[in-house]
PDB file of N, CA and C in Angstrom:
ATOM      1  N   MET A   1     -19.081   0.184 -52.408  1.00  0.00           N
ATOM      2  CA  MET A   1     -20.216   0.572 -53.194  1.00  0.00           C
ATOM      3  C   MET A   1     -20.854   1.877 -52.649  1.00  0.00           C
ATOM      4  N   GLU A   2     -21.430   2.584 -53.316  1.00  0.00           N
ATOM      5  CA  GLU A   2     -22.238   3.768 -52.986  1.00  0.00           C
ATOM      6  C   GLU A   2     -23.694   3.644 -52.802  1.00  0.00           C
ATOM      7  N   GLN A   3     -24.269   2.506 -53.057  1.00  0.00           N
ATOM      8  CA  GLN A   3     -25.678   2.324 -53.138  1.00  0.00           C
ATOM      9  C   GLN A   3     -26.097   1.984 -51.631  1.00  0.00           C
ATOM     10  N   ARG A   4     -27.329   2.346 -51.247  1.00  0.00           N
ATOM     11  CA  ARG A   4     -27.878   2.094 -49.938  1.00  0.00           C
ATOM     12  C   ARG A   4     -29.175   1.533 -50.031  1.00  0.00           C
ATOM     13  N   PHE A   5     -29.632   0.710 -49.013  1.00  0.00           N
ATOM     14  CA  PHE A   5     -30.987   0.422 -48.719  1.00  0.00           C
ATOM     15  C   PHE A   5     -31.438   1.145 -47.630  1.00  0.00           C
ATOM     16  N   VAL A   6     -32.465   1.803 -47.592  1.00  0.00           N
ATOM     17  CA  VAL A   6     -33.090   2.541 -46.488  1.00  0.00           C
ATOM     18  C   VAL A   6     -34.343   1.927 -46.071  1.00  0.00           C
ATOM     19  N   TYR A   7     -34.462   1.592 -44.786  1.00  0.00           N
ATOM     20  CA  TYR A   7     -35.680   1.043 -44.178  1.00  0.00           C
ATOM     21  C   TYR A   7     -36.327   2.115 -43.387  1.00  0.00           C
ATOM     22  N   MET A   8     -37.578   2.310 -43.659  1.00  0.00           N
ATOM     23  CA  MET A   8     -38.320   3.186 -43.002  1.00  0.00           C
ATOM     24  C   MET A   8     -39.808   2.713 -42.692  1.00  0.00           C
ATOM     25  N   THR A   9     -40.472   3.389 -41.726  1.00  0.00           N
ATOM     26  CA  THR A   9     -41.928   2.848 -41.420  1.00  0.00           C
ATOM     27  C   THR A   9     -42.728   4.020 -41.498  1.00  0.00           C
ATOM     28  N   ALA A  10     -44.091   3.786 -41.750  1.00  0.00           N
ATOM     29  CA  ALA A  10     -45.122   4.910 -41.795  1.00  0.00           C
ATOM     30  C   ALA A  10     -46.383   4.342 -41.149  1.00  0.00           C
ATOM     31  N   GLY A  11     -47.220   5.309 -40.748  1.00  0.00           N
ATOM     32  CA  GLY A  11     -48.399   5.011 -39.989  1.00  0.00           C
ATOM     33  C   GLY A  11     -49.489   4.293 -40.839  1.00  0.00           C
ATOM     34  N   SER A  12     -49.347   4.400 -42.058  1.00  0.00           N
ATOM     35  CA  SER A  12     -50.369   3.804 -43.094  1.00  0.00           C
ATOM     36  C   SER A  12     -49.719   3.547 -44.442  1.00  0.00           C
ATOM     37  N   ARG A  13     -50.479   2.732 -45.155  1.00  0.00           N
ATOM     38  CA  ARG A  13     -50.015   2.585 -46.433  1.00  0.00           C
ATOM     39  C   ARG A  13     -50.079   3.783 -47.428  1.00  0.00           C
ATOM     40  N   GLY A  14     -51.205   4.543 -47.124  1.00  0.00           N
ATOM     41  CA  GLY A  14     -51.295   5.814 -47.918  1.00  0.00           C
ATOM     42  C   GLY A  14     -50.223   6.793 -47.604  1.00  0.00           C
ATOM     43  N   GLU A  15     -49.816   6.790 -46.412  1.00  0.00           N
ATOM     44  CA  GLU A  15     -48.618   7.749 -46.051  1.00  0.00           C
ATOM     45  C   GLU A  15     -47.255   7.336 -46.585  1.00  0.00           C
ATOM     46  N   ALA A  16     -47.167   5.863 -46.496  1.00  0.00           N
ATOM     47  CA  ALA A  16     -45.881   5.282 -47.119  1.00  0.00           C
ATOM     48  C   ALA A  16     -45.877   5.669 -48.713  1.00  0.00           C
ATOM     49  N   ALA A  17     -47.027   5.356 -49.320  1.00  0.00           N
ATOM     50  CA  ALA A  17     -47.163   5.625 -50.737  1.00  0.00           C
ATOM     51  C   ALA A  17     -46.758   7.138 -51.127  1.00  0.00           C
ATOM     52  N   ALA A  18     -47.430   7.985 -50.316  1.00  0.00           N
ATOM     53  CA  ALA A  18     -47.141   9.409 -50.630  1.00  0.00           C
ATOM     54  C   ALA A  18     -45.721   9.857 -50.388  1.00  0.00           C
ATOM     55  N   ILE A  19     -45.076   9.325 -49.267  1.00  0.00           N
ATOM     56  CA  ILE A  19     -43.662   9.594 -49.161  1.00  0.00           C
ATOM     57  C   ILE A  19     -42.722   8.797 -50.283  1.00  0.00           C
ATOM     58  N   GLY A  20     -43.045   7.655 -50.451  1.00  0.00           N
ATOM     59  CA  GLY A  20     -42.228   7.033 -51.534  1.00  0.00           C
ATOM     60  C   GLY A  20     -42.354   7.626 -52.841  1.00  0.00           C
ATOM     61  N   ARG A  21     -43.482   8.030 -53.219  1.00  0.00           N
ATOM     62  CA  ARG A  21     -43.711   8.721 -54.570  1.00  0.00           C
ATOM     63  C   ARG A  21     -42.866   9.990 -54.635  1.00  0.00           C
ATOM     64  N   ARG A  22     -42.844  10.813 -53.495  1.00  0.00           N
ATOM     65  CA  ARG A  22     -42.077  11.988 -53.509  1.00  0.00           C
ATOM     66  C   ARG A  22     -40.577  11.735 -53.588  1.00  0.00           C
ATOM     67  N   LEU A  23     -40.142  10.722 -52.851  1.00  0.00           N
ATOM     68  CA  LEU A  23     -38.769  10.425 -52.871  1.00  0.00           C
ATOM     69  C   LEU A  23     -38.312  10.038 -54.299  1.00  0.00           C
ATOM     70  N   VAL A  24     -39.140   9.253 -55.018  1.00  0.00           N
ATOM     71  CA  VAL A  24     -38.736   8.837 -56.366  1.00  0.00           C
ATOM     72  C   VAL A  24     -38.824   9.991 -57.369  1.00  0.00           C
ATOM     73  N   GLU A  25     -40.069  10.843 -57.136  1.00  0.00           N
ATOM     74  CA  GLU A  25     -40.212  11.964 -58.100  1.00  0.00           C
ATOM     75  C   GLU A  25     -39.060  12.996 -57.905  1.00  0.00           C
ATOM     76  N   GLU A  26     -38.453  13.089 -56.687  1.00  0.00           N
ATOM     77  CA  GLU A  26     -37.349  14.047 -56.541  1.00  0.00           C
ATOM     78  C   GLU A  26     -35.961  13.436 -56.605  1.00  0.00           C
ATOM     79  N   ARG A  27     -35.890  12.242 -57.214  1.00  0.00           N
ATOM     80  CA  ARG A  27     -34.766  11.550 -57.369  1.00  0.00           C
ATOM     81  C   ARG A  27     -33.863  11.247 -56.215  1.00  0.00           C
ATOM     82  N   LEU A  28     -34.483  11.171 -54.968  1.00  0.00           N
ATOM     83  CA  LEU A  28     -33.876  10.903 -53.737  1.00  0.00           C
ATOM     84  C   LEU A  28     -33.688   9.361 -53.559  1.00  0.00           C
ATOM     85  N   ALA A  29     -34.578   8.687 -54.412  1.00  0.00           N
ATOM     86  CA  ALA A  29     -34.621   7.269 -54.380  1.00  0.00           C
ATOM     87  C   ALA A  29     -34.957   6.660 -55.683  1.00  0.00           C
ATOM     88  N   ALA A  30     -34.276   5.623 -56.251  1.00  0.00           N
ATOM     89  CA  ALA A  30     -34.500   5.071 -57.470  1.00  0.00           C
ATOM     90  C   ALA A  30     -35.864   4.336 -57.554  1.00  0.00           C
ATOM     91  N   CYS A  31     -36.151   3.687 -56.251  1.00  0.00           N
ATOM     92  CA  CYS A  31     -37.277   2.863 -55.966  1.00  0.00           C
ATOM     93  C   CYS A  31     -37.659   2.812 -54.574  1.00  0.00           C
ATOM     94  N   VAL A  32     -39.010   2.789 -54.326  1.00  0.00           N
ATOM     95  CA  VAL A  32     -39.403   2.312 -52.919  1.00  0.00           C
ATOM     96  C   VAL A  32     -40.368   1.403 -52.876  1.00  0.00           C
ATOM     97  N   ASN A  33     -40.014   0.280 -52.151  1.00  0.00           N
ATOM     98  CA  ASN A  33     -40.984  -0.820 -52.094  1.00  0.00           C
ATOM     99  C   ASN A  33     -41.817  -0.619 -50.871  1.00  0.00           C
ATOM    100  N   ILE A  34     -43.107  -0.961 -50.757  1.00  0.00           N
ATOM    101  CA  ILE A  34     -44.126  -0.692 -49.678  1.00  0.00           C
ATOM    102  C   ILE A  34     -44.610  -2.174 -49.258  1.00  0.00           C
ATOM    103  N   LEU A  35     -44.412  -2.583 -47.928  1.00  0.00           N
ATOM    104  CA  LEU A  35     -44.804  -3.688 -47.480  1.00  0.00           C
ATOM    105  C   LEU A  35     -45.859  -3.377 -46.401  1.00  0.00           C
ATOM    106  N   SER A  36     -47.106  -3.871 -46.603  1.00  0.00           N
ATOM    107  CA  SER A  36     -48.137  -3.461 -45.661  1.00  0.00           C
ATOM    108  C   SER A  36     -49.178  -4.591 -45.723  1.00  0.00           C
ATOM    109  N   PRO A  37     -49.825  -4.851 -44.440  1.00  0.00           N
ATOM    110  CA  PRO A  37     -49.549  -4.380 -43.163  1.00  0.00           C
ATOM    111  C   PRO A  37     -48.469  -5.020 -42.446  1.00  0.00           C
ATOM    112  N   MET A  38     -47.778  -4.250 -41.517  1.00  0.00           N
ATOM    113  CA  MET A  38     -46.833  -4.767 -40.649  1.00  0.00           C
ATOM    114  C   MET A  38     -47.205  -4.508 -39.142  1.00  0.00           C
ATOM    115  N   GLN A  39     -47.156  -5.342 -38.261  1.00  0.00           N
ATOM    116  CA  GLN A  39     -47.393  -5.190 -36.922  1.00  0.00           C
ATOM    117  C   GLN A  39     -46.210  -4.719 -36.149  1.00  0.00           C
ATOM    118  N   SER A  40     -46.195  -3.565 -35.373  1.00  0.00           N
ATOM    119  CA  SER A  40     -45.034  -3.136 -34.708  1.00  0.00           C
ATOM    120  C   SER A  40     -45.471  -3.101 -33.246  1.00  0.00           C
ATOM    121  N   ILE A  41     -44.433  -3.520 -32.418  1.00  0.00           N
ATOM    122  CA  ILE A  41     -44.521  -3.438 -30.934  1.00  0.00           C
ATOM    123  C   ILE A  41     -43.180  -2.730 -30.537  1.00  0.00           C
ATOM    124  N   TYR A  42     -43.407  -1.666 -29.920  1.00  0.00           N
ATOM    125  CA  TYR A  42     -42.341  -0.599 -29.495  1.00  0.00           C
ATOM    126  C   TYR A  42     -42.695   0.050 -28.212  1.00  0.00           C
ATOM    127  N   ARG A  43     -41.635   0.681 -27.617  1.00  0.00           N
ATOM    128  CA  ARG A  43     -41.654   1.440 -26.437  1.00  0.00           C
ATOM    129  C   ARG A  43     -41.661   2.862 -26.921  1.00  0.00           C
ATOM    130  N   TRP A  44     -42.682   3.711 -26.457  1.00  0.00           N
ATOM    131  CA  TRP A  44     -42.627   5.227 -26.874  1.00  0.00           C
ATOM    132  C   TRP A  44     -43.274   6.033 -25.646  1.00  0.00           C
ATOM    133  N   GLU A  45     -42.387   6.925 -25.174  1.00  0.00           N
ATOM    134  CA  GLU A  45     -42.746   7.768 -24.108  1.00  0.00           C
ATOM    135  C   GLU A  45     -43.142   6.963 -22.850  1.00  0.00           C
ATOM    136  N   GLY A  46     -42.432   5.944 -22.659  1.00  0.00           N
ATOM    137  CA  GLY A  46     -42.498   5.195 -21.371  1.00  0.00           C
ATOM    138  C   GLY A  46     -43.579   4.066 -21.353  1.00  0.00           C
ATOM    139  N   ARG A  47     -44.342   3.897 -22.535  1.00  0.00           N
ATOM    140  CA  ARG A  47     -45.226   2.928 -22.643  1.00  0.00           C
ATOM    141  C   ARG A  47     -44.915   1.896 -23.762  1.00  0.00           C
ATOM    142  N   VAL A  48     -45.403   0.617 -23.577  1.00  0.00           N
ATOM    143  CA  VAL A  48     -45.344  -0.348 -24.632  1.00  0.00           C
ATOM    144  C   VAL A  48     -46.577   0.015 -25.552  1.00  0.00           C
ATOM    145  N   GLU A  49     -46.234   0.151 -26.894  1.00  0.00           N
ATOM    146  CA  GLU A  49     -47.431   0.452 -27.805  1.00  0.00           C
ATOM    147  C   GLU A  49     -47.363  -0.659 -28.837  1.00  0.00           C
ATOM    148  N   GLU A  50     -48.384  -0.785 -29.510  1.00  0.00           N
ATOM    149  CA  GLU A  50     -48.720  -1.821 -30.691  1.00  0.00           C
ATOM    150  C   GLU A  50     -49.470  -1.086 -31.729  1.00  0.00           C
ATOM    151  N   ALA A  51     -48.948  -1.139 -32.940  1.00  0.00           N
ATOM    152  CA  ALA A  51     -49.605  -0.477 -34.027  1.00  0.00           C
ATOM    153  C   ALA A  51     -49.469  -1.195 -35.317  1.00  0.00           C
ATOM    154  N   GLU A  52     -50.322  -1.099 -36.193  1.00  0.00           N
ATOM    155  CA  GLU A  52     -50.177  -1.588 -37.652  1.00  0.00           C
ATOM    156  C   GLU A  52     -49.355  -0.399 -38.426  1.00  0.00           C
ATOM    157  N   GLU A  53     -48.413  -0.743 -39.077  1.00  0.00           N
ATOM    158  CA  GLU A  53     -47.687   0.167 -39.815  1.00  0.00           C
ATOM    159  C   GLU A  53     -47.397  -0.322 -41.371  1.00  0.00           C
ATOM    160  N   ALA A  54     -46.766   0.427 -42.110  1.00  0.00           N
ATOM    161  CA  ALA A  54     -46.414   0.128 -43.383  1.00  0.00           C
ATOM    162  C   ALA A  54     -44.866   0.195 -43.424  1.00  0.00           C
ATOM    163  N   VAL A  55     -44.089  -0.760 -44.073  1.00  0.00           N
ATOM    164  CA  VAL A  55     -42.651  -0.661 -44.273  1.00  0.00           C
ATOM    165  C   VAL A  55     -42.380  -0.108 -45.689  1.00  0.00           C
ATOM    166  N   MET A  56     -41.320   0.862 -45.736  1.00  0.00           N
ATOM    167  CA  MET A  56     -40.846   1.278 -47.018  1.00  0.00           C
ATOM    168  C   MET A  56     -39.323   0.816 -47.070  1.00  0.00           C
ATOM    169  N   ILE A  57     -38.898   0.260 -48.288  1.00  0.00           N
ATOM    170  CA  ILE A  57     -37.552   0.118 -48.517  1.00  0.00           C
ATOM    171  C   ILE A  57     -37.135   0.840 -49.686  1.00  0.00           C
ATOM    172  N   ALA A  58     -36.332   1.817 -49.545  1.00  0.00           N
ATOM    173  CA  ALA A  58     -35.818   2.709 -50.531  1.00  0.00           C
ATOM    174  C   ALA A  58     -34.326   2.286 -50.989  1.00  0.00           C
ATOM    175  N   LYS A  59     -34.159   2.381 -52.501  1.00  0.00           N
ATOM    176  CA  LYS A  59     -32.823   2.208 -52.903  1.00  0.00           C
ATOM    177  C   LYS A  59     -32.243   3.562 -53.256  1.00  0.00           C
ATOM    178  N   THR A  60     -31.182   3.899 -52.745  1.00  0.00           N
ATOM    179  CA  THR A  60     -30.543   5.234 -52.978  1.00  0.00           C
ATOM    180  C   THR A  60     -29.070   5.166 -53.059  1.00  0.00           C
ATOM    181  N   THR A  61     -28.394   6.298 -53.048  1.00  0.00           N
ATOM    182  CA  THR A  61     -26.868   6.236 -53.054  1.00  0.00           C
ATOM    183  C   THR A  61     -26.528   6.990 -51.738  1.00  0.00           C
ATOM    184  N   ALA A  62     -25.253   6.837 -51.506  1.00  0.00           N
ATOM    185  CA  ALA A  62     -24.657   7.508 -50.247  1.00  0.00           C
ATOM    186  C   ALA A  62     -24.887   8.961 -50.567  1.00  0.00           C
ATOM    187  N   GLY A  63     -24.584   9.556 -51.630  1.00  0.00           N
ATOM    188  CA  GLY A  63     -24.692  10.870 -51.860  1.00  0.00           C
ATOM    189  C   GLY A  63     -25.958  11.506 -51.701  1.00  0.00           C
ATOM    190  N   ARG A  64     -26.986  10.828 -51.853  1.00  0.00           N
ATOM    191  CA  ARG A  64     -28.558  11.262 -51.678  1.00  0.00           C
ATOM    192  C   ARG A  64     -28.987  10.971 -50.402  1.00  0.00           C
ATOM    193  N   LEU A  65     -28.367  10.166 -49.399  1.00  0.00           N
ATOM    194  CA  LEU A  65     -28.879   9.674 -48.302  1.00  0.00           C
ATOM    195  C   LEU A  65     -29.362  10.721 -47.283  1.00  0.00           C
ATOM    196  N   GLU A  66     -28.403  11.733 -47.005  1.00  0.00           N
ATOM    197  CA  GLU A  66     -28.758  12.760 -46.081  1.00  0.00           C
ATOM    198  C   GLU A  66     -29.925  13.601 -46.469  1.00  0.00           C
ATOM    199  N   ARG A  67     -30.040  14.048 -47.814  1.00  0.00           N
ATOM    200  CA  ARG A  67     -31.185  14.678 -48.275  1.00  0.00           C
ATOM    201  C   ARG A  67     -32.472  13.769 -48.210  1.00  0.00           C
ATOM    202  N   LEU A  68     -32.319  12.528 -48.493  1.00  0.00           N
ATOM    203  CA  LEU A  68     -33.473  11.566 -48.290  1.00  0.00           C
ATOM    204  C   LEU A  68     -33.992  11.569 -46.779  1.00  0.00           C
ATOM    205  N   ILE A  69     -33.130  11.522 -45.822  1.00  0.00           N
ATOM    206  CA  ILE A  69     -33.574  11.435 -44.488  1.00  0.00           C
ATOM    207  C   ILE A  69     -34.197  12.846 -44.127  1.00  0.00           C
ATOM    208  N   SER A  70     -33.642  13.891 -44.613  1.00  0.00           N
ATOM    209  CA  SER A  70     -34.313  15.121 -44.189  1.00  0.00           C
ATOM    210  C   SER A  70     -35.525  15.255 -44.818  1.00  0.00           C
ATOM    211  N   ARG A  71     -35.734  14.826 -46.008  1.00  0.00           N
ATOM    212  CA  ARG A  71     -37.034  14.966 -46.684  1.00  0.00           C
ATOM    213  C   ARG A  71     -38.116  14.028 -46.102  1.00  0.00           C
ATOM    214  N   VAL A  72     -37.685  12.809 -45.654  1.00  0.00           N
ATOM    215  CA  VAL A  72     -38.638  12.028 -44.963  1.00  0.00           C
ATOM    216  C   VAL A  72     -39.057  12.647 -43.698  1.00  0.00           C
ATOM    217  N   ARG A  73     -38.227  13.310 -42.920  1.00  0.00           N
ATOM    218  CA  ARG A  73     -38.576  13.992 -41.743  1.00  0.00           C
ATOM    219  C   ARG A  73     -39.603  15.238 -42.045  1.00  0.00           C
ATOM    220  N   GLU A  74     -39.260  15.760 -43.146  1.00  0.00           N
ATOM    221  CA  GLU A  74     -40.255  16.866 -43.534  1.00  0.00           C
ATOM    222  C   GLU A  74     -41.757  16.381 -43.845  1.00  0.00           C
ATOM    223  N   LEU A  75     -41.783  15.263 -44.511  1.00  0.00           N
ATOM    224  CA  LEU A  75     -43.078  14.639 -45.191  1.00  0.00           C
ATOM    225  C   LEU A  75     -43.830  13.726 -44.055  1.00  0.00           C
ATOM    226  N   HIS A  76     -43.160  13.216 -43.106  1.00  0.00           N
ATOM    227  CA  HIS A  76     -43.666  12.226 -42.149  1.00  0.00           C
ATOM    228  C   HIS A  76     -44.507  12.776 -41.088  1.00  0.00           C
ATOM    229  N   SER A  77     -45.585  11.976 -40.659  1.00  0.00           N
ATOM    230  CA  SER A  77     -46.376  12.444 -39.630  1.00  0.00           C
ATOM    231  C   SER A  77     -45.881  12.131 -38.201  1.00  0.00           C
ATOM    232  N   TYR A  78     -44.754  11.234 -38.167  1.00  0.00           N
ATOM    233  CA  TYR A  78     -44.265  10.972 -36.836  1.00  0.00           C
ATOM    234  C   TYR A  78     -43.353  12.029 -36.329  1.00  0.00           C
ATOM    235  N   ASP A  79     -43.226  12.160 -35.083  1.00  0.00           N
ATOM    236  CA  ASP A  79     -42.163  13.028 -34.494  1.00  0.00           C
ATOM    237  C   ASP A  79     -40.864  12.512 -34.621  1.00  0.00           C
ATOM    238  N   CYS A  80     -40.761  11.208 -34.591  1.00  0.00           N
ATOM    239  CA  CYS A  80     -39.378  10.518 -34.675  1.00  0.00           C
ATOM    240  C   CYS A  80     -39.464   9.424 -35.605  1.00  0.00           C
ATOM    241  N   PRO A  81     -39.557   9.643 -36.982  1.00  0.00           N
ATOM    242  CA  PRO A  81     -39.725   8.434 -37.954  1.00  0.00           C
ATOM    243  C   PRO A  81     -38.452   7.507 -37.946  1.00  0.00           C
ATOM    244  N   CYS A  82     -38.780   6.265 -38.209  1.00  0.00           N
ATOM    245  CA  CYS A  82     -37.764   5.327 -38.452  1.00  0.00           C
ATOM    246  C   CYS A  82     -37.209   5.443 -39.731  1.00  0.00           C
ATOM    247  N   VAL A  83     -35.849   5.765 -39.861  1.00  0.00           N
ATOM    248  CA  VAL A  83     -35.059   5.825 -41.114  1.00  0.00           C
ATOM    249  C   VAL A  83     -33.680   5.511 -40.846  1.00  0.00           C
ATOM    250  N   VAL A  84     -33.400   4.172 -41.242  1.00  0.00           N
ATOM    251  CA  VAL A  84     -32.018   3.625 -41.093  1.00  0.00           C
ATOM    252  C   VAL A  84     -31.616   3.057 -42.379  1.00  0.00           C
ATOM    253  N   ALA A  85     -30.317   3.178 -42.610  1.00  0.00           N
ATOM    254  CA  ALA A  85     -29.622   2.767 -43.840  1.00  0.00           C
ATOM    255  C   ALA A  85     -28.625   1.830 -43.737  1.00  0.00           C
ATOM    256  N   TRP A  86     -28.367   0.808 -44.842  1.00  0.00           N
ATOM    257  CA  TRP A  86     -27.432  -0.153 -44.809  1.00  0.00           C
ATOM    258  C   TRP A  86     -26.660   0.073 -46.131  1.00  0.00           C
ATOM    259  N   GLU A  87     -25.286  -0.031 -46.166  1.00  0.00           N
ATOM    260  CA  GLU A  87     -24.612  -0.076 -47.396  1.00  0.00           C
ATOM    261  C   GLU A  87     -24.781  -1.370 -48.116  1.00  0.00           C
ATOM    262  N   ILE A  88     -24.990  -1.249 -49.429  1.00  0.00           N
ATOM    263  CA  ILE A  88     -25.135  -2.427 -50.221  1.00  0.00           C
ATOM    264  C   ILE A  88     -23.680  -2.742 -50.739  1.00  0.00           C
ATOM    265  N   THR A  89     -23.222  -4.052 -50.225  1.00  0.00           N
ATOM    266  CA  THR A  89     -21.924  -4.493 -50.450  1.00  0.00           C
ATOM    267  C   THR A  89     -21.747  -5.225 -51.729  1.00  0.00           C
ATOM    268  N   GLU A  90     -22.718  -5.874 -52.203  1.00  0.00           N
ATOM    269  CA  GLU A  90     -22.667  -6.784 -53.452  1.00  0.00           C
ATOM    270  C   GLU A  90     -24.186  -6.711 -53.963  1.00  0.00           C
ATOM    271  N   GLY A  91     -24.140  -7.026 -55.243  1.00  0.00           N
ATOM    272  CA  GLY A  91     -25.340  -7.190 -56.003  1.00  0.00           C
ATOM    273  C   GLY A  91     -25.204  -7.173 -57.566  1.00  0.00           C
ATOM    274  N   HIS A  92     -26.293  -7.306 -58.227  1.00  0.00           N
ATOM    275  CA  HIS A  92     -26.249  -7.426 -59.728  1.00  0.00           C
ATOM    276  C   HIS A  92     -25.853  -5.962 -60.165  1.00  0.00           C
ATOM    277  N   PRO A  93     -24.592  -5.963 -60.844  1.00  0.00           N
ATOM    278  CA  PRO A  93     -23.983  -4.705 -61.312  1.00  0.00           C
ATOM    279  C   PRO A  93     -24.984  -3.698 -62.127  1.00  0.00           C
ATOM    280  N   ASP A  94     -25.753  -4.332 -63.009  1.00  0.00           N
ATOM    281  CA  ASP A  94     -26.685  -3.529 -63.772  1.00  0.00           C
ATOM    282  C   ASP A  94     -27.697  -2.949 -62.884  1.00  0.00           C
ATOM    283  N   PHE A  95     -28.209  -3.623 -61.885  1.00  0.00           N
ATOM    284  CA  PHE A  95     -29.237  -3.063 -61.031  1.00  0.00           C
ATOM    285  C   PHE A  95     -28.553  -1.937 -60.101  1.00  0.00           C
ATOM    286  N   LEU A  96     -27.404  -2.028 -59.698  1.00  0.00           N
ATOM    287  CA  LEU A  96     -26.618  -1.136 -58.902  1.00  0.00           C
ATOM    288  C   LEU A  96     -26.411   0.139 -59.799  1.00  0.00           C
ATOM    289  N   ASP A  97     -26.021  -0.107 -60.952  1.00  0.00           N
ATOM    290  CA  ASP A  97     -25.772   1.100 -61.852  1.00  0.00           C
ATOM    291  C   ASP A  97     -27.153   1.810 -62.118  1.00  0.00           C
ATOM    292  N   TRP A  98     -28.209   1.077 -62.182  1.00  0.00           N
ATOM    293  CA  TRP A  98     -29.517   1.666 -62.351  1.00  0.00           C
ATOM    294  C   TRP A  98     -29.888   2.632 -61.170  1.00  0.00           C
ATOM    295  N   ILE A  99     -29.683   2.143 -60.004  1.00  0.00           N
ATOM    296  CA  ILE A  99     -29.994   2.978 -58.643  1.00  0.00           C
ATOM    297  C   ILE A  99     -29.189   4.288 -58.883  1.00  0.00           C
ATOM    298  N   SER A 100     -27.772   4.216 -59.152  1.00  0.00           N
ATOM    299  CA  SER A 100     -27.136   5.447 -59.311  1.00  0.00           C
ATOM    300  C   SER A 100     -27.565   6.378 -60.434  1.00  0.00           C
ATOM    301  N   ALA A 101     -27.912   5.766 -61.601  1.00  0.00           N
ATOM    302  CA  ALA A 101     -28.442   6.547 -62.785  1.00  0.00           C
ATOM    303  C   ALA A 101     -29.819   7.195 -62.354  1.00  0.00           C
ATOM    304  N   GLU A 102     -30.651   6.595 -61.645  1.00  0.00           N
ATOM    305  CA  GLU A 102     -32.000   7.099 -61.288  1.00  0.00           C
ATOM    306  C   GLU A 102     -31.942   8.165 -60.278  1.00  0.00           C
ATOM    307  N   THR A 103     -30.904   8.253 -59.480  1.00  0.00           N
ATOM    308  CA  THR A 103     -30.806   9.222 -58.446  1.00  0.00           C
ATOM    309  C   THR A 103     -29.795  10.398 -58.719  1.00  0.00           C
ATOM    310  N   ALA A 104     -29.342  10.249 -59.982  1.00  0.00           N
ATOM    311  CA  ALA A 104     -28.214  11.327 -60.519  1.00  0.00           C
ATOM    312  C   ALA A 104     -29.092  12.720 -60.773  1.00  0.00           C
TER     313      ALA A 104
END
């Protein structure tokens, strides 16, 4: 299958909403879900940090993935934003077709 789930984080719900809206408007994602707040514990520049963040889950296609990642890097406030993708191997065929249609 060519569809992908893309997991991303942002520093705030507002930033996540702004990025998500742009991705959908530009047809880089069919949909972006925002889950907020989320507590993150991570190592950055040699220190253990803790922060409240927002999670974004985008639905896109393999053909749009490279541009989506590039666009998130342009829009994001982080130096190294979390953007990782998984192949969707199964799902409701009509929904998967919708993802492809909305990112065409």
